[in-house]
Amino acid sequence: MLAAEETPASDRPLREAVRDTLRTRIFEGHYAPGTRLVERDLAAEFNVSRLPIREALRMLRQEGLIRDRASRGSEVAGLSAKDVEDLFDVRESLEVLACRLAAGRASEEDLKRLSGLLDDAERFLAKGSVLEAHRANSEFHDAITAIANNNFLRSALEPLQGRMHWLFRHVSDLPELIQEHRELYAAIASGDPERAAAQSASHIGKYREQFPEDSPATELTLQRKRT
């Protein structure tokens, strides 16, 4: 069953609570790439009908976190080394644009939200809540996309966000990542689109180098699970 903190609020669809729980299990390595996700078994575990399970799996499929196998049903997806490289290429193109646009469009309220997410990440990290710190860092990037206020850009990024967040869950030096985000925030807050774009490109390029070319994301996931 869903834990108390996972139980959806009255205005939150059950499928989203199930999706978030399954996504967290994937991010934490509890479900390694190749793990089968069977509707019947999940419905019994969560004590819900199969409909919210089916909808949750559909949303995870759109995020690229699971895939369909003709003979196996749904299973957790993996990323090859080429997938990782291709994903960084797309991420750099789209997020640099998002930061450039955000620098010219961010309101004081937008900047306050970005700063607050960074404060959240530091607070969670200080408490030892690594998963929550990662979540705040992911929300920071998502918030920049929202601030950019470009529907086509958002539509292009949304199908990739699950895989992007998954990759960045493997970053081990969270204090350094938060500091990188502080610098990116400062560039956006400056109102200078070119400064923000350059800082974004530098940020993404730095973490691209941390993923070895000969190590597929499946191996990274399993290494994190063992540690």
Protein backbone atom coordinates (compact mmCIF):
# COMPACT_ATOMS: atom_id res chain seq x y z
CA MET A 1 0.00 0.00 0.00
CA LEU A 2 1.02 3.63 -0.33
CA ALA A 3 2.82 4.94 2.72
CA ALA A 4 1.14 7.74 4.66
CA GLU A 5 3.32 10.39 3.06
CA GLU A 6 2.54 8.93 -0.36
CA THR A 7 -1.23 9.03 0.05
CA PRO A 8 -2.66 11.56 -2.40
CA ALA A 9 -4.44 14.66 -1.20
CA SER A 10 -8.13 14.87 -2.03
CA ASP A 11 -7.39 17.06 -5.05
CA ARG A 12 -4.49 14.91 -6.30
CA PRO A 13 -5.21 11.98 -8.63
CA LEU A 14 -4.22 8.56 -7.30
CA ARG A 15 -2.38 7.79 -10.53
CA GLU A 16 0.06 10.63 -9.78
CA ALA A 17 0.81 9.30 -6.30
CA VAL A 18 1.47 5.85 -7.76
CA ARG A 19 3.61 7.35 -10.52
CA ASP A 20 5.68 9.35 -8.04
CA THR A 21 6.27 6.29 -5.87
CA LEU A 22 7.34 4.15 -8.83
CA ARG A 23 9.54 6.95 -10.16
CA THR A 24 11.26 7.28 -6.79
CA ARG A 25 11.94 3.55 -6.73
CA ILE A 26 13.53 3.79 -10.17
CA PHE A 27 15.63 6.81 -9.18
CA GLU A 28 16.82 5.13 -5.96
CA GLY A 29 17.79 1.94 -7.77
CA HIS A 30 15.17 -0.29 -6.14
CA TYR A 31 13.99 -1.09 -9.67
CA ALA A 32 17.05 -1.78 -11.81
CA PRO A 33 16.84 -1.52 -15.61
CA GLY A 34 15.06 -4.58 -16.95
CA THR A 35 12.82 -5.00 -13.89
CA ARG A 36 9.30 -6.02 -14.92
CA LEU A 37 6.40 -3.90 -13.69
CA VAL A 38 3.24 -6.00 -13.72
CA GLU A 39 -0.09 -4.18 -13.40
CA ARG A 40 -1.74 -6.98 -11.43
CA ASP A 41 1.08 -7.22 -8.90
CA LEU A 42 1.36 -3.46 -8.44
CA ALA A 43 -2.39 -3.10 -7.99
CA ALA A 44 -2.26 -5.71 -5.22
CA GLU A 45 0.74 -4.04 -3.58
CA PHE A 46 -0.83 -0.57 -3.58
CA ASN A 47 -4.29 -1.94 -2.83
CA VAL A 48 -5.84 -0.05 -5.74
CA SER A 49 -7.56 -1.01 -8.98
CA ARG A 50 -5.48 -1.60 -12.10
CA LEU A 51 -6.67 1.65 -13.73
CA PRO A 52 -4.45 4.08 -11.72
CA ILE A 53 -1.56 1.61 -12.12
CA ARG A 54 -2.08 1.57 -15.89
CA GLU A 55 -2.22 5.38 -16.00
CA ALA A 56 0.90 5.69 -13.82
CA LEU A 57 2.81 3.33 -16.11
CA ARG A 58 1.63 5.31 -19.13
CA MET A 59 3.04 8.53 -17.63
CA LEU A 60 6.35 6.85 -16.80
CA ARG A 61 6.47 5.50 -20.34
CA GLN A 62 6.07 9.04 -21.68
CA GLU A 63 8.98 10.12 -19.47
CA GLY A 64 11.11 7.34 -20.95
CA LEU A 65 11.59 5.62 -17.58
CA ILE A 66 9.84 2.40 -18.63
CA ARG A 67 9.33 0.68 -21.97
CA ASP A 68 7.18 -2.08 -23.41
CA ARG A 69 8.51 -5.49 -24.32
CA ALA A 70 6.25 -7.65 -26.45
CA SER A 71 6.82 -10.76 -24.36
CA ARG A 72 7.45 -9.11 -20.99
CA GLY A 73 5.00 -6.25 -20.68
CA SER A 74 6.39 -3.10 -19.05
CA GLU A 75 9.94 -2.97 -17.74
CA VAL A 76 12.29 -0.32 -16.39
CA ALA A 77 14.27 1.20 -19.25
CA GLY A 78 18.02 1.56 -19.38
CA LEU A 79 20.19 4.04 -21.24
CA SER A 80 23.14 3.06 -23.39
CA ALA A 81 26.30 5.15 -23.51
CA LYS A 82 25.10 6.63 -26.81
CA ASP A 83 21.71 7.40 -25.26
CA VAL A 84 23.47 9.34 -22.50
CA GLU A 85 25.56 11.30 -25.01
CA ASP A 86 22.52 12.05 -27.19
CA LEU A 87 20.52 13.13 -24.14
CA PHE A 88 23.22 15.59 -23.09
CA ASP A 89 23.28 17.01 -26.63
CA VAL A 90 19.53 17.66 -26.53
CA ARG A 91 19.61 18.88 -22.95
CA GLU A 92 22.30 21.42 -23.76
CA SER A 93 20.43 22.77 -26.77
CA LEU A 94 17.09 23.10 -25.00
CA GLU A 95 18.16 24.17 -21.51
CA VAL A 96 20.59 26.80 -22.76
CA LEU A 97 17.65 28.31 -24.63
CA ALA A 98 15.45 28.00 -21.53
CA CYS A 99 17.99 29.88 -19.42
CA ARG A 100 18.45 32.56 -22.06
CA LEU A 101 14.70 33.16 -22.18
CA ALA A 102 14.31 32.96 -18.39
CA ALA A 103 16.92 35.69 -17.89
CA GLY A 104 14.81 38.07 -19.94
CA ARG A 105 11.43 37.05 -18.53
CA ALA A 106 11.90 36.18 -14.85
CA SER A 107 9.81 38.23 -12.44
CA GLU A 108 10.76 38.92 -8.83
CA GLU A 109 8.37 36.16 -7.81
CA ASP A 110 10.02 33.75 -10.25
CA LEU A 111 13.46 34.54 -8.86
CA LYS A 112 12.18 34.10 -5.34
CA ARG A 113 10.93 30.62 -6.23
CA LEU A 114 14.26 29.65 -7.81
CA SER A 115 16.18 30.89 -4.78
CA GLY A 116 13.76 29.07 -2.48
CA LEU A 117 14.34 25.76 -4.26
CA LEU A 118 18.08 26.14 -3.76
CA ASP A 119 17.51 26.90 -0.08
CA ASP A 120 15.34 23.78 0.10
CA ALA A 121 18.09 21.67 -1.48
CA GLU A 122 20.65 22.91 1.05
CA ARG A 123 18.28 22.37 3.96
CA PHE A 124 17.42 18.83 2.90
CA LEU A 125 21.09 18.02 2.37
CA ALA A 126 21.96 19.33 5.85
CA LYS A 127 19.30 17.00 7.28
CA GLY A 128 20.68 14.05 5.33
CA SER A 129 17.60 13.87 3.09
CA VAL A 130 19.53 13.23 -0.11
CA LEU A 131 16.51 12.19 -2.15
CA GLU A 132 14.64 15.38 -1.24
CA ALA A 133 17.73 17.45 -2.07
CA HIS A 134 17.88 15.82 -5.50
CA ARG A 135 14.18 16.50 -5.98
CA ALA A 136 14.63 20.21 -5.18
CA ASN A 137 17.51 20.40 -7.67
CA SER A 138 15.35 18.78 -10.34
CA GLU A 139 12.51 21.19 -9.60
CA PHE A 140 14.98 24.06 -10.01
CA HIS A 141 15.59 23.08 -13.64
CA ASP A 142 11.88 22.50 -14.24
CA ALA A 143 11.10 25.94 -12.82
CA ILE A 144 13.52 27.57 -15.27
CA THR A 145 11.65 25.91 -18.13
CA ALA A 146 8.37 27.28 -16.78
CA ILE A 147 9.83 30.78 -16.44
CA ALA A 148 11.05 30.65 -20.06
CA ASN A 149 7.33 30.61 -20.96
CA ASN A 150 7.73 28.99 -24.37
CA ASN A 151 5.14 26.31 -25.07
CA PHE A 152 7.12 24.64 -27.84
CA LEU A 153 10.22 24.49 -25.68
CA ARG A 154 8.24 23.00 -22.81
CA SER A 155 6.67 20.42 -25.11
CA ALA A 156 10.13 19.40 -26.35
CA LEU A 157 11.56 19.08 -22.84
CA GLU A 158 8.70 17.31 -21.07
CA PRO A 159 9.25 13.85 -22.63
CA LEU A 160 12.93 14.03 -21.67
CA GLN A 161 12.67 15.30 -18.11
CA GLY A 162 12.31 11.91 -16.45
CA ARG A 163 15.50 10.62 -18.06
CA MET A 164 17.33 13.89 -17.39
CA HIS A 165 16.42 13.80 -13.71
CA TRP A 166 17.42 10.14 -13.55
CA LEU A 167 20.89 10.92 -14.91
CA PHE A 168 21.46 13.75 -12.48
CA ARG A 169 20.48 11.54 -9.53
CA HIS A 170 23.90 9.95 -10.05
CA VAL A 171 25.72 13.17 -9.17
CA SER A 172 27.44 12.37 -5.87
CA ASP A 173 28.78 15.83 -4.93
CA LEU A 174 25.53 17.57 -4.05
CA PRO A 175 27.13 20.62 -2.38
CA GLU A 176 29.01 21.30 -5.62
CA LEU A 177 25.85 20.81 -7.68
CA ILE A 178 23.94 23.26 -5.48
CA GLN A 179 26.74 25.79 -5.85
CA GLU A 180 26.59 25.34 -9.63
CA HIS A 181 22.88 26.06 -9.43
CA ARG A 182 23.57 29.16 -7.32
CA GLU A 183 25.81 30.45 -10.11
CA LEU A 184 23.17 29.65 -12.71
CA TYR A 185 20.57 31.45 -10.60
CA ALA A 186 22.83 34.52 -10.37
CA ALA A 187 23.23 34.55 -14.15
CA ILE A 188 19.46 34.38 -14.67
CA ALA A 189 18.81 37.01 -11.99
CA SER A 190 21.28 39.36 -13.70
CA GLY A 191 18.80 39.75 -16.55
CA ASP A 192 21.58 39.13 -19.09
CA PRO A 193 20.40 36.40 -21.52
CA GLU A 194 23.87 35.71 -22.91
CA ARG A 195 25.41 35.35 -19.46
CA ALA A 196 22.64 32.93 -18.49
CA ALA A 197 23.09 30.91 -21.68
CA ALA A 198 26.86 30.68 -21.20
CA GLN A 199 26.48 29.61 -17.57
CA SER A 200 23.94 26.95 -18.55
CA ALA A 201 26.22 25.54 -21.24
CA SER A 202 29.11 25.42 -18.77
CA HIS A 203 26.95 23.72 -16.14
CA ILE A 204 25.71 20.99 -18.48
CA GLY A 205 29.14 20.47 -20.04
CA LYS A 206 30.72 19.92 -16.64
CA TYR A 207 28.36 17.11 -15.75
CA ARG A 208 28.55 15.57 -19.21
CA GLU A 209 32.23 14.93 -18.47
CA GLN A 210 31.33 13.03 -15.29
CA PHE A 211 29.58 10.28 -17.25
CA PRO A 212 32.28 7.99 -18.77
CA GLU A 213 31.74 7.32 -22.46
CA ASP A 214 32.11 3.55 -21.98
CA SER A 215 29.69 3.31 -19.03
CA PRO A 216 26.00 2.94 -19.87
CA ALA A 217 23.50 4.41 -17.45
CA THR A 218 22.36 0.92 -16.52
CA GLU A 219 25.75 0.28 -14.93
CA LEU A 220 25.67 3.64 -13.16
CA THR A 221 22.28 2.81 -11.71
CA LEU A 222 23.43 -0.57 -10.41
CA GLN A 223 26.59 0.95 -8.93
CA ARG A 224 24.52 3.49 -7.02
CA LYS A 225 22.25 0.72 -5.76
CA ARG A 226 25.24 -1.26 -4.42
CA THR A 227 26.61 1.79 -2.57
